[in-house]
C-alpha cells in the first residue's frame, strides 16, 4: 500500500498500532539510585515518582510550588505503602525549580549539587501546552522557554554530576506535537513574534526543540555511559491541556474532556515509556542513545526534520547564547 506523503512524514497514527513493550513489573531494583523528575507533583511526573520510589530510588521532585510538591510527596508515600507493601521506605524530597526563569534553573542545579549526591536518572518531564502567547521571566516565548530552555539550563548544570554517576540516564519528554512544527523547523530570529504562530504551532516548535536537544546531547555523550533518549508519552489524562478553554473556547474544551475520558491513558500507564528510557536494562545492554520512543516503549523515527544535525547545532548555539545573555553573574 502506498501511503499519502502526510502519513509518511508523521508518526501520530502509529502510536495506536504498537503493543506495550514495558510494564511496571519489569522495572528493576533501583536501590542506591538517585533520580530527579521535573514536574513530579502531578500527572506523568507524579506517576513516575511513585514508580521510581516504589522500586527503591531516592527521588527528587523538582517543582515550582513547594506546597504542591510536598502534598504530592506525602500522597506518593502513602500510595507506595499501599500498592507496594514490600517496597522500602520511600525516600522522596522536594527541590525548588521554576523552568520559566533561567537563573532559577541554574540555581536549582547548584542547590542539588550541594547535597553531594550522585545523579543516575534525570527525567525532564515538566511542560506546558498550547498556552496563550506570553514571555518568560527572561523575555522568551513561554512554551519554548519552559519546555526547552529551562530544561537545557537545568540539565547542563547537572551534567558533570550525571557523568560522574554513570551509568546514568537522561530522558527528554517530547510529543507527537513536534510534527506540528513551523515550516523549516525553528526561525530563531522570530521566536518572540506573537503574530506568526498559533499556540499549537508554538507548542510543536518547543517539542521539536526537545528532540533536537536530546539528539544533540546524545551525540556529545557518545563516549560516555550516559544514555540520552526522548519519549512521547501518548494521549494521557493529565493537567497539560489546562489552557484549552482560554485558547480555544468552551466547545472544544468539552470535546477534549469527552475524548480524554474515552481514550486517554491513565498517568501510571502513560509514564511507562519514560520509565522504560529511565530504567530498562535494554537501554544499556543495546546501547540505545538519542532515540525517540512512543507508547508503550516502542522506538519510532520522529519527523524527518528532527534528524537535521545543522538545525540541532543551531538550536544548541542559540540556546547557549540566550542563556549566557540572561544569566546573572
C-alpha atoms as a PDB file:
ATOM      1  CA  UNK A   1       0.000   0.000   0.000  1.00  0.00           C
ATOM      2  CA  UNK A   2       1.296   3.442  -0.921  1.00  0.00           C
ATOM      3  CA  UNK A   3       0.813   5.867   1.944  1.00  0.00           C
ATOM      4  CA  UNK A   4      -0.014   9.544   1.405  1.00  0.00           C
ATOM      5  CA  UNK A   5       3.036  11.772   1.895  1.00  0.00           C
ATOM      6  CA  UNK A   6       1.455  13.339   5.007  1.00  0.00           C
ATOM      7  CA  UNK A   7       1.225   9.949   6.701  1.00  0.00           C
ATOM      8  CA  UNK A   8       4.758   9.028   5.654  1.00  0.00           C
ATOM      9  CA  UNK A   9       6.109  12.161   7.316  1.00  0.00           C
ATOM     10  CA  UNK A  10       4.139  11.826  10.545  1.00  0.00           C
ATOM     11  CA  UNK A  11       4.069   9.255  13.291  1.00  0.00           C
ATOM     12  CA  UNK A  12       0.991  10.186  15.305  1.00  0.00           C
ATOM     13  CA  UNK A  13      -1.157   7.429  13.805  1.00  0.00           C
ATOM     14  CA  UNK A  14       1.472   4.780  14.502  1.00  0.00           C
ATOM     15  CA  UNK A  15       1.115   5.265  18.266  1.00  0.00           C
ATOM     16  CA  UNK A  16      -2.147   3.349  18.009  1.00  0.00           C
ATOM     17  CA  UNK A  17      -0.632   0.347  16.255  1.00  0.00           C
ATOM     18  CA  UNK A  18       2.098  -0.547  18.722  1.00  0.00           C
ATOM     19  CA  UNK A  19       1.765  -3.005  21.593  1.00  0.00           C
ATOM     20  CA  UNK A  20       3.146  -2.489  25.086  1.00  0.00           C
ATOM     21  CA  UNK A  21       6.892  -3.122  25.360  1.00  0.00           C
ATOM     22  CA  UNK A  22       7.283  -2.293  29.065  1.00  0.00           C
ATOM     23  CA  UNK A  23       5.363  -2.674  32.308  1.00  0.00           C
ATOM     24  CA  UNK A  24       5.787  -1.822  35.970  1.00  0.00           C
ATOM     25  CA  UNK A  25       6.833  -5.369  36.828  1.00  0.00           C
ATOM     26  CA  UNK A  26       9.834  -5.001  34.504  1.00  0.00           C
ATOM     27  CA  UNK A  27      11.287  -2.053  36.432  1.00  0.00           C
ATOM     28  CA  UNK A  28      14.455  -3.324  38.149  1.00  0.00           C
ATOM     29  CA  UNK A  29      15.521  -2.728  41.730  1.00  0.00           C
ATOM     30  CA  UNK A  30      16.689   0.891  41.911  1.00  0.00           C
ATOM     31  CA  UNK A  31      18.170   0.829  45.405  1.00  0.00           C
ATOM     32  CA  UNK A  32      21.095   3.237  45.578  1.00  0.00           C
ATOM     33  CA  UNK A  33      19.921   5.200  42.537  1.00  0.00           C
ATOM     34  CA  UNK A  34      19.155   8.925  42.722  1.00  0.00           C
ATOM     35  CA  UNK A  35      16.624  10.390  40.296  1.00  0.00           C
ATOM     36  CA  UNK A  36      15.333  13.889  39.568  1.00  0.00           C
ATOM     37  CA  UNK A  37      11.931  14.354  37.951  1.00  0.00           C
ATOM     38  CA  UNK A  38      10.810  17.807  36.868  1.00  0.00           C
ATOM     39  CA  UNK A  39       7.111  18.468  37.421  1.00  0.00           C
ATOM     40  CA  UNK A  40       6.722  15.498  39.766  1.00  0.00           C
ATOM     41  CA  UNK A  41       3.762  16.976  41.633  1.00  0.00           C
ATOM     42  CA  UNK A  42       1.121  15.905  39.105  1.00  0.00           C
ATOM     43  CA  UNK A  43       0.285  13.742  36.103  1.00  0.00           C
ATOM     44  CA  UNK A  44       3.096  11.817  34.433  1.00  0.00           C
ATOM     45  CA  UNK A  45       5.703  13.232  36.801  1.00  0.00           C
ATOM     46  CA  UNK A  46       3.783  12.092  39.848  1.00  0.00           C
ATOM     47  CA  UNK A  47       3.237   8.609  38.406  1.00  0.00           C
ATOM     48  CA  UNK A  48       6.939   8.402  37.589  1.00  0.00           C
ATOM     49  CA  UNK A  49       7.876   9.458  41.130  1.00  0.00           C
ATOM     50  CA  UNK A  50       5.667   6.722  42.585  1.00  0.00           C
ATOM     51  CA  UNK A  51       7.139   4.067  40.288  1.00  0.00           C
ATOM     52  CA  UNK A  52      10.773   5.006  40.915  1.00  0.00           C
ATOM     53  CA  UNK A  53      10.236   5.439  44.655  1.00  0.00           C
ATOM     54  CA  UNK A  54       8.444   2.097  44.905  1.00  0.00           C
ATOM     55  CA  UNK A  55      11.482   0.383  43.370  1.00  0.00           C
ATOM     56  CA  UNK A  56      13.939   1.879  45.822  1.00  0.00           C
ATOM     57  CA  UNK A  57      15.175   5.063  44.128  1.00  0.00           C
ATOM     58  CA  UNK A  58      15.844   8.262  46.051  1.00  0.00           C
ATOM     59  CA  UNK A  59      13.608  10.660  44.128  1.00  0.00           C
ATOM     60  CA  UNK A  60      13.969  14.434  43.956  1.00  0.00           C
ATOM     61  CA  UNK A  61      10.751  16.177  42.908  1.00  0.00           C
ATOM     62  CA  UNK A  62      11.881  19.322  41.091  1.00  0.00           C
ATOM     63  CA  UNK A  63       8.836  21.587  41.104  1.00  0.00           C
ATOM     64  CA  UNK A  64       7.907  25.264  41.176  1.00  0.00           C
ATOM     65  CA  UNK A  65       5.492  25.138  44.123  1.00  0.00           C
ATOM     66  CA  UNK A  66       6.794  23.740  47.392  1.00  0.00           C
ATOM     67  CA  UNK A  67       3.272  23.326  48.754  1.00  0.00           C
ATOM     68  CA  UNK A  68       2.017  21.327  45.782  1.00  0.00           C
ATOM     69  CA  UNK A  69       5.199  19.238  45.686  1.00  0.00           C
ATOM     70  CA  UNK A  70       5.072  18.488  49.407  1.00  0.00           C
ATOM     71  CA  UNK A  71       1.437  17.424  49.160  1.00  0.00           C
ATOM     72  CA  UNK A  72       2.285  15.187  46.189  1.00  0.00           C
ATOM     73  CA  UNK A  73       5.226  13.643  48.034  1.00  0.00           C
ATOM     74  CA  UNK A  74       3.091  12.757  51.051  1.00  0.00           C
ATOM     75  CA  UNK A  75       0.408  11.318  48.776  1.00  0.00           C
ATOM     76  CA  UNK A  76       3.038   9.303  46.879  1.00  0.00           C
ATOM     77  CA  UNK A  77       4.478   7.881  50.088  1.00  0.00           C
ATOM     78  CA  UNK A  78       1.047   6.627  51.108  1.00  0.00           C
ATOM     79  CA  UNK A  79       0.374   5.227  47.637  1.00  0.00           C
ATOM     80  CA  UNK A  80       3.668   3.354  47.644  1.00  0.00           C
ATOM     81  CA  UNK A  81       2.988   1.870  51.080  1.00  0.00           C
ATOM     82  CA  UNK A  82      -0.495   0.793  49.982  1.00  0.00           C
ATOM     83  CA  UNK A  83       0.268  -0.546  46.497  1.00  0.00           C
ATOM     84  CA  UNK A  84       3.814  -1.795  47.099  1.00  0.00           C
ATOM     85  CA  UNK A  85       3.735  -3.281  50.634  1.00  0.00           C
ATOM     86  CA  UNK A  86       7.156  -4.888  50.199  1.00  0.00           C
ATOM     87  CA  UNK A  87       8.841  -1.701  48.977  1.00  0.00           C
ATOM     88  CA  UNK A  88      11.472   0.020  51.118  1.00  0.00           C
ATOM     89  CA  UNK A  89      10.572   3.213  52.974  1.00  0.00           C
ATOM     90  CA  UNK A  90      10.076   5.832  50.226  1.00  0.00           C
ATOM     91  CA  UNK A  91      12.837   8.432  50.020  1.00  0.00           C
ATOM     92  CA  UNK A  92      11.240  11.407  48.264  1.00  0.00           C
ATOM     93  CA  UNK A  93      12.144  15.079  48.605  1.00  0.00           C
ATOM     94  CA  UNK A  94      11.486  18.495  47.093  1.00  0.00           C
ATOM     95  CA  UNK A  95      13.787  20.715  45.030  1.00  0.00           C
ATOM     96  CA  UNK A  96      12.539  24.142  44.004  1.00  0.00           C
ATOM     97  CA  UNK A  97      12.672  24.661  40.230  1.00  0.00           C
ATOM     98  CA  UNK A  98      10.952  27.281  38.071  1.00  0.00           C
ATOM     99  CA  UNK A  99      11.501  26.437  34.406  1.00  0.00           C
ATOM    100  CA  UNK A 100      10.148  29.853  33.423  1.00  0.00           C
ATOM    101  CA  UNK A 101      13.272  31.518  34.883  1.00  0.00           C
ATOM    102  CA  UNK A 102      16.779  30.775  33.595  1.00  0.00           C
ATOM    103  CA  UNK A 103      18.533  31.986  36.741  1.00  0.00           C
ATOM    104  CA  UNK A 104      16.243  29.887  38.924  1.00  0.00           C
ATOM    105  CA  UNK A 105      17.055  26.801  36.815  1.00  0.00           C
ATOM    106  CA  UNK A 106      20.774  27.395  37.206  1.00  0.00           C
ATOM    107  CA  UNK A 107      20.379  27.898  40.955  1.00  0.00           C
ATOM    108  CA  UNK A 108      18.248  24.757  41.288  1.00  0.00           C
ATOM    109  CA  UNK A 109      21.052  22.695  39.742  1.00  0.00           C
ATOM    110  CA  UNK A 110      23.538  24.251  42.187  1.00  0.00           C
ATOM    111  CA  UNK A 111      21.202  23.532  45.091  1.00  0.00           C
ATOM    112  CA  UNK A 112      21.070  19.870  44.134  1.00  0.00           C
ATOM    113  CA  UNK A 113      24.850  19.674  43.791  1.00  0.00           C
ATOM    114  CA  UNK A 114      25.195  20.975  47.349  1.00  0.00           C
ATOM    115  CA  UNK A 115      23.540  17.774  48.553  1.00  0.00           C
ATOM    116  CA  UNK A 116      26.669  15.838  47.476  1.00  0.00           C
ATOM    117  CA  UNK A 117      24.547  13.074  45.998  1.00  0.00           C
ATOM    118  CA  UNK A 118      25.147  11.137  42.785  1.00  0.00           C
ATOM    119  CA  UNK A 119      22.614  11.543  39.972  1.00  0.00           C
ATOM    120  CA  UNK A 120      21.755   8.459  37.960  1.00  0.00           C
ATOM    121  CA  UNK A 121      18.456   9.461  36.366  1.00  0.00           C
ATOM    122  CA  UNK A 122      17.217  12.847  35.140  1.00  0.00           C
ATOM    123  CA  UNK A 123      13.724  12.961  33.664  1.00  0.00           C
ATOM    124  CA  UNK A 124      12.837  16.271  32.018  1.00  0.00           C
ATOM    125  CA  UNK A 125       9.116  15.705  32.398  1.00  0.00           C
ATOM    126  CA  UNK A 126       7.554  19.094  33.084  1.00  0.00           C
ATOM    127  CA  UNK A 127       5.950  21.178  30.371  1.00  0.00           C
ATOM    128  CA  UNK A 128       3.152  23.443  29.212  1.00  0.00           C
ATOM    129  CA  UNK A 129       0.979  23.088  26.109  1.00  0.00           C
ATOM    130  CA  UNK A 130      -0.991  25.389  23.813  1.00  0.00           C
ATOM    131  CA  UNK A 131      -0.869  28.318  26.220  1.00  0.00           C
ATOM    132  CA  UNK A 132      -1.756  31.891  25.190  1.00  0.00           C
ATOM    133  CA  UNK A 133       1.208  33.929  23.988  1.00  0.00           C
ATOM    134  CA  UNK A 134       3.363  35.109  26.871  1.00  0.00           C
ATOM    135  CA  UNK A 135       7.012  35.783  27.602  1.00  0.00           C
ATOM    136  CA  UNK A 136       9.042  34.049  30.280  1.00  0.00           C
ATOM    137  CA  UNK A 137      10.798  35.871  33.110  1.00  0.00           C
ATOM    138  CA  UNK A 138      13.697  36.254  30.662  1.00  0.00           C
ATOM    139  CA  UNK A 139      11.643  37.568  27.755  1.00  0.00           C
ATOM    140  CA  UNK A 140      11.489  34.335  25.748  1.00  0.00           C
ATOM    141  CA  UNK A 141       8.277  32.928  24.255  1.00  0.00           C
ATOM    142  CA  UNK A 142       6.956  30.921  27.166  1.00  0.00           C
ATOM    143  CA  UNK A 143       6.341  27.479  25.675  1.00  0.00           C
ATOM    144  CA  UNK A 144       9.853  27.385  24.208  1.00  0.00           C
ATOM    145  CA  UNK A 145      11.273  28.825  27.441  1.00  0.00           C
ATOM    146  CA  UNK A 146       9.642  26.308  29.787  1.00  0.00           C
ATOM    147  CA  UNK A 147       9.699  23.214  27.622  1.00  0.00           C
ATOM    148  CA  UNK A 148      13.194  23.648  26.185  1.00  0.00           C
ATOM    149  CA  UNK A 149      15.352  26.483  27.526  1.00  0.00           C
ATOM    150  CA  UNK A 150      14.687  25.895  31.231  1.00  0.00           C
ATOM    151  CA  UNK A 151      15.386  22.189  30.903  1.00  0.00           C
ATOM    152  CA  UNK A 152      18.541  22.928  28.894  1.00  0.00           C
ATOM    153  CA  UNK A 153      19.884  25.116  31.703  1.00  0.00           C
ATOM    154  CA  UNK A 154      18.936  22.637  34.421  1.00  0.00           C
ATOM    155  CA  UNK A 155      20.393  19.663  32.521  1.00  0.00           C
ATOM    156  CA  UNK A 156      23.672  21.353  31.681  1.00  0.00           C
ATOM    157  CA  UNK A 157      24.050  22.451  35.299  1.00  0.00           C
ATOM    158  CA  UNK A 158      23.755  18.808  36.369  1.00  0.00           C
ATOM    159  CA  UNK A 159      25.649  17.183  33.513  1.00  0.00           C
ATOM    160  CA  UNK A 160      29.027  16.812  35.190  1.00  0.00           C
ATOM    161  CA  UNK A 161      27.403  15.087  38.163  1.00  0.00           C
ATOM    162  CA  UNK A 162      25.457  12.822  35.800  1.00  0.00           C
ATOM    163  CA  UNK A 163      28.704  11.858  34.047  1.00  0.00           C
ATOM    164  CA  UNK A 164      30.396  11.194  37.387  1.00  0.00           C
ATOM    165  CA  UNK A 165      27.491   8.898  38.322  1.00  0.00           C
ATOM    166  CA  UNK A 166      27.482   6.787  35.147  1.00  0.00           C
ATOM    167  CA  UNK A 167      25.966   4.532  34.056  1.00  0.00           C
ATOM    168  CA  UNK A 168      23.208   7.112  34.030  1.00  0.00           C
ATOM    169  CA  UNK A 169      20.186   8.204  32.031  1.00  0.00           C
ATOM    170  CA  UNK A 170      18.677  11.444  30.771  1.00  0.00           C
ATOM    171  CA  UNK A 171      15.106  11.285  29.496  1.00  0.00           C
ATOM    172  CA  UNK A 172      13.744  14.211  27.490  1.00  0.00           C
ATOM    173  CA  UNK A 173       9.975  14.329  27.105  1.00  0.00           C
ATOM    174  CA  UNK A 174       8.732  15.436  23.723  1.00  0.00           C
ATOM    175  CA  UNK A 175       5.433  14.835  21.960  1.00  0.00           C
ATOM    176  CA  UNK A 176       3.881  13.807  18.686  1.00  0.00           C
ATOM    177  CA  UNK A 177       3.052  17.527  18.658  1.00  0.00           C
ATOM    178  CA  UNK A 178       6.583  18.106  17.341  1.00  0.00           C
ATOM    179  CA  UNK A 179       5.132  17.185  13.949  1.00  0.00           C
ATOM    180  CA  UNK A 180       3.175  20.445  14.012  1.00  0.00           C
ATOM    181  CA  UNK A 181       6.372  22.474  13.943  1.00  0.00           C
ATOM    182  CA  UNK A 182       6.633  25.653  11.875  1.00  0.00           C
ATOM    183  CA  UNK A 183       7.744  25.277   8.269  1.00  0.00           C
ATOM    184  CA  UNK A 184      11.513  24.913   8.235  1.00  0.00           C
ATOM    185  CA  UNK A 185      11.658  23.978  11.918  1.00  0.00           C
ATOM    186  CA  UNK A 186      12.668  26.954  14.052  1.00  0.00           C
ATOM    187  CA  UNK A 187      13.241  30.531  12.906  1.00  0.00           C
ATOM    188  CA  UNK A 188      15.494  31.852  15.649  1.00  0.00           C
ATOM    189  CA  UNK A 189      15.079  35.446  14.501  1.00  0.00           C
ATOM    190  CA  UNK A 190      11.313  35.450  15.108  1.00  0.00           C
ATOM    191  CA  UNK A 191      10.938  33.342  18.260  1.00  0.00           C
ATOM    192  CA  UNK A 192       9.098  36.138  20.083  1.00  0.00           C
ATOM    193  CA  UNK A 193       6.876  37.313  17.227  1.00  0.00           C
ATOM    194  CA  UNK A 194       3.347  36.862  18.568  1.00  0.00           C
ATOM    195  CA  UNK A 195       1.744  37.270  15.136  1.00  0.00           C
ATOM    196  CA  UNK A 196       3.463  34.434  13.270  1.00  0.00           C
ATOM    197  CA  UNK A 197       2.389  31.263  15.088  1.00  0.00           C
ATOM    198  CA  UNK A 198      -0.717  29.981  16.833  1.00  0.00           C
ATOM    199  CA  UNK A 199      -0.428  28.315  20.281  1.00  0.00           C
ATOM    200  CA  UNK A 200      -0.386  24.764  18.888  1.00  0.00           C
ATOM    201  CA  UNK A 201       2.415  25.547  16.440  1.00  0.00           C
ATOM    202  CA  UNK A 202       4.423  27.240  19.183  1.00  0.00           C
ATOM    203  CA  UNK A 203       3.957  24.054  21.193  1.00  0.00           C
ATOM    204  CA  UNK A 204       5.099  21.986  18.224  1.00  0.00           C
ATOM    205  CA  UNK A 205       8.197  24.163  17.942  1.00  0.00           C
ATOM    206  CA  UNK A 206       9.052  23.590  21.601  1.00  0.00           C
ATOM    207  CA  UNK A 207       8.560  19.825  21.278  1.00  0.00           C
ATOM    208  CA  UNK A 208      10.727  19.726  18.175  1.00  0.00           C
ATOM    209  CA  UNK A 209      13.353  21.581  20.212  1.00  0.00           C
ATOM    210  CA  UNK A 210      13.174  18.794  22.815  1.00  0.00           C
ATOM    211  CA  UNK A 211      14.043  16.166  20.204  1.00  0.00           C
ATOM    212  CA  UNK A 212      16.760  18.293  18.609  1.00  0.00           C
ATOM    213  CA  UNK A 213      18.301  18.896  22.042  1.00  0.00           C
ATOM    214  CA  UNK A 214      18.061  15.233  23.031  1.00  0.00           C
ATOM    215  CA  UNK A 215      19.782  14.088  19.854  1.00  0.00           C
ATOM    216  CA  UNK A 216      22.498  16.753  20.076  1.00  0.00           C
ATOM    217  CA  UNK A 217      23.165  15.891  23.724  1.00  0.00           C
ATOM    218  CA  UNK A 218      23.278  12.164  22.981  1.00  0.00           C
ATOM    219  CA  UNK A 219      25.848  12.819  20.258  1.00  0.00           C
ATOM    220  CA  UNK A 220      28.019  14.801  22.689  1.00  0.00           C
ATOM    221  CA  UNK A 221      27.869  11.936  25.197  1.00  0.00           C
ATOM    222  CA  UNK A 222      28.510   9.097  22.753  1.00  0.00           C
ATOM    223  CA  UNK A 223      31.736   8.095  24.523  1.00  0.00           C
ATOM    224  CA  UNK A 224      30.180   8.168  27.998  1.00  0.00           C
ATOM    225  CA  UNK A 225      27.872   5.672  29.682  1.00  0.00           C
ATOM    226  CA  UNK A 226      25.206   8.368  29.803  1.00  0.00           C
ATOM    227  CA  UNK A 227      22.172   7.322  27.795  1.00  0.00           C
ATOM    228  CA  UNK A 228      20.007  10.150  26.474  1.00  0.00           C
ATOM    229  CA  UNK A 229      16.670   9.263  24.901  1.00  0.00           C
ATOM    230  CA  UNK A 230      13.422  11.031  24.041  1.00  0.00           C
ATOM    231  CA  UNK A 231       9.894   9.932  24.957  1.00  0.00           C
ATOM    232  CA  UNK A 232       6.429  10.780  23.679  1.00  0.00           C
ATOM    233  CA  UNK A 233       4.075   9.597  26.446  1.00  0.00           C
ATOM    234  CA  UNK A 234       0.930   9.484  24.311  1.00  0.00           C
ATOM    235  CA  UNK A 235      -2.582  10.758  24.961  1.00  0.00           C
ATOM    236  CA  UNK A 236      -2.668  10.830  28.749  1.00  0.00           C
ATOM    237  CA  UNK A 237      -5.220  12.223  31.179  1.00  0.00           C
ATOM    238  CA  UNK A 238      -3.172  14.996  32.828  1.00  0.00           C
ATOM    239  CA  UNK A 239      -3.385  18.725  33.524  1.00  0.00           C
ATOM    240  CA  UNK A 240      -1.307  19.546  30.438  1.00  0.00           C
ATOM    241  CA  UNK A 241      -4.317  20.825  28.471  1.00  0.00           C
ATOM    242  CA  UNK A 242      -5.389  23.210  31.236  1.00  0.00           C
ATOM    243  CA  UNK A 243      -5.242  26.220  28.859  1.00  0.00           C
ATOM    244  CA  UNK A 244      -7.623  24.734  26.274  1.00  0.00           C
ATOM    245  CA  UNK A 245     -10.686  26.790  27.231  1.00  0.00           C
ATOM    246  CA  UNK A 246      -8.772  30.059  27.346  1.00  0.00           C
ATOM    247  CA  UNK A 247      -7.264  29.461  23.912  1.00  0.00           C
ATOM    248  CA  UNK A 248      -9.921  27.510  22.004  1.00  0.00           C
ATOM    249  CA  UNK A 249     -13.173  28.171  23.844  1.00  0.00           C
ATOM    250  CA  UNK A 250     -15.735  26.173  25.793  1.00  0.00           C
ATOM    251  CA  UNK A 251     -16.961  23.906  22.982  1.00  0.00           C
ATOM    252  CA  UNK A 252     -13.568  22.435  22.107  1.00  0.00           C
ATOM    253  CA  UNK A 253     -12.786  22.096  25.800  1.00  0.00           C
ATOM    254  CA  UNK A 254     -15.888  19.959  26.308  1.00  0.00           C
ATOM    255  CA  UNK A 255     -14.993  17.853  23.259  1.00  0.00           C
ATOM    256  CA  UNK A 256     -11.471  17.314  24.581  1.00  0.00           C
ATOM    257  CA  UNK A 257     -12.809  16.395  28.022  1.00  0.00           C
ATOM    258  CA  UNK A 258     -15.017  13.692  26.486  1.00  0.00           C
ATOM    259  CA  UNK A 259     -12.145  12.398  24.355  1.00  0.00           C
ATOM    260  CA  UNK A 260      -9.932  12.274  27.416  1.00  0.00           C
ATOM    261  CA  UNK A 261     -12.489  10.274  29.367  1.00  0.00           C
ATOM    262  CA  UNK A 262     -12.996   7.886  26.453  1.00  0.00           C
ATOM    263  CA  UNK A 263      -9.497   7.373  25.080  1.00  0.00           C
ATOM    264  CA  UNK A 264      -6.725   8.797  27.254  1.00  0.00           C
ATOM    265  CA  UNK A 265      -4.349   6.604  29.207  1.00  0.00           C
ATOM    266  CA  UNK A 266      -4.072   6.928  32.951  1.00  0.00           C
ATOM    267  CA  UNK A 267      -0.818   8.614  34.035  1.00  0.00           C
ATOM    268  CA  UNK A 268       0.591   5.408  35.510  1.00  0.00           C
ATOM    269  CA  UNK A 269       0.265   3.806  32.054  1.00  0.00           C
ATOM    270  CA  UNK A 270       1.406   6.866  30.119  1.00  0.00           C
ATOM    271  CA  UNK A 271       4.515   7.095  32.300  1.00  0.00           C
ATOM    272  CA  UNK A 272       5.761   3.687  31.183  1.00  0.00           C
ATOM    273  CA  UNK A 273       7.555   4.995  28.085  1.00  0.00           C
ATOM    274  CA  UNK A 274       9.692   7.437  30.072  1.00  0.00           C
ATOM    275  CA  UNK A 275      10.160   4.784  32.761  1.00  0.00           C
ATOM    276  CA  UNK A 276      11.474   2.443  30.082  1.00  0.00           C
ATOM    277  CA  UNK A 277      14.019   5.034  28.964  1.00  0.00           C
ATOM    278  CA  UNK A 278      14.972   5.723  32.596  1.00  0.00           C
ATOM    279  CA  UNK A 279      15.170   2.197  33.985  1.00  0.00           C
ATOM    280  CA  UNK A 280      15.122  -0.630  31.446  1.00  0.00           C
ATOM    281  CA  UNK A 281      18.343  -2.679  31.273  1.00  0.00           C
ATOM    282  CA  UNK A 282      17.816  -2.807  27.496  1.00  0.00           C
ATOM    283  CA  UNK A 283      18.933   0.801  27.170  1.00  0.00           C
ATOM    284  CA  UNK A 284      22.445  -0.034  28.337  1.00  0.00           C
ATOM    285  CA  UNK A 285      22.598  -3.588  27.026  1.00  0.00           C
ATOM    286  CA  UNK A 286      21.669  -2.496  23.497  1.00  0.00           C
ATOM    287  CA  UNK A 287      23.473   0.873  23.721  1.00  0.00           C
ATOM    288  CA  UNK A 288      20.312   2.810  22.906  1.00  0.00           C
ATOM    289  CA  UNK A 289      21.059   6.530  22.525  1.00  0.00           C
ATOM    290  CA  UNK A 290      19.319   9.526  21.003  1.00  0.00           C
ATOM    291  CA  UNK A 291      16.239   7.510  20.070  1.00  0.00           C
ATOM    292  CA  UNK A 292      12.587   8.541  20.094  1.00  0.00           C
ATOM    293  CA  UNK A 293      10.016   6.317  21.797  1.00  0.00           C
ATOM    294  CA  UNK A 294       6.221   6.251  21.661  1.00  0.00           C
ATOM    295  CA  UNK A 295       3.691   4.306  23.782  1.00  0.00           C
ATOM    296  CA  UNK A 296       4.434   1.995  25.208  1.00  0.00           C
ATOM    297  CA  UNK A 297       8.226   1.956  24.990  1.00  0.00           C
ATOM    298  CA  UNK A 298       8.332   1.416  21.218  1.00  0.00           C
ATOM    299  CA  UNK A 299      11.032   3.067  19.155  1.00  0.00           C
ATOM    300  CA  UNK A 300       9.877   5.133  16.194  1.00  0.00           C
ATOM    301  CA  UNK A 301      11.526   7.645  13.917  1.00  0.00           C
ATOM    302  CA  UNK A 302      10.326  11.190  14.602  1.00  0.00           C
ATOM    303  CA  UNK A 303       9.563  13.708  11.871  1.00  0.00           C
ATOM    304  CA  UNK A 304      12.491  13.838   9.407  1.00  0.00           C
ATOM    305  CA  UNK A 305      13.432  17.391  10.410  1.00  0.00           C
ATOM    306  CA  UNK A 306      14.431  16.086  13.845  1.00  0.00           C
ATOM    307  CA  UNK A 307      17.443  14.390  12.212  1.00  0.00           C
ATOM    308  CA  UNK A 308      18.789  17.676  10.816  1.00  0.00           C
ATOM    309  CA  UNK A 309      22.129  17.982  12.625  1.00  0.00           C
ATOM    310  CA  UNK A 310      22.625  21.525  11.367  1.00  0.00           C
ATOM    311  CA  UNK A 311      19.313  22.533  12.971  1.00  0.00           C
ATOM    312  CA  UNK A 312      20.261  20.659  16.131  1.00  0.00           C
ATOM    313  CA  UNK A 313      23.506  22.619  16.360  1.00  0.00           C
ATOM    314  CA  UNK A 314      21.888  25.959  15.528  1.00  0.00           C
ATOM    315  CA  UNK A 315      19.372  25.361  18.340  1.00  0.00           C
ATOM    316  CA  UNK A 316      22.224  24.473  20.724  1.00  0.00           C
ATOM    317  CA  UNK A 317      24.147  27.637  19.830  1.00  0.00           C
ATOM    318  CA  UNK A 318      21.037  29.852  20.042  1.00  0.00           C
ATOM    319  CA  UNK A 319      20.151  28.392  23.437  1.00  0.00           C
ATOM    320  CA  UNK A 320      23.678  28.777  24.794  1.00  0.00           C
ATOM    321  CA  UNK A 321      23.896  32.368  23.588  1.00  0.00           C
ATOM    322  CA  UNK A 322      20.465  33.195  25.019  1.00  0.00           C
ATOM    323  CA  UNK A 323      21.330  31.661  28.365  1.00  0.00           C
ATOM    324  CA  UNK A 324      24.667  33.476  28.598  1.00  0.00           C
ATOM    325  CA  UNK A 325      22.899  36.761  27.931  1.00  0.00           C
ATOM    326  CA  UNK A 326      20.277  36.163  30.627  1.00  0.00           C
ATOM    327  CA  UNK A 327      22.335  34.505  33.365  1.00  0.00           C
ATOM    328  CA  UNK A 328      23.372  36.727  36.224  1.00  0.00           C
ATOM    329  CA  UNK A 329      26.966  36.505  37.394  1.00  0.00           C
END
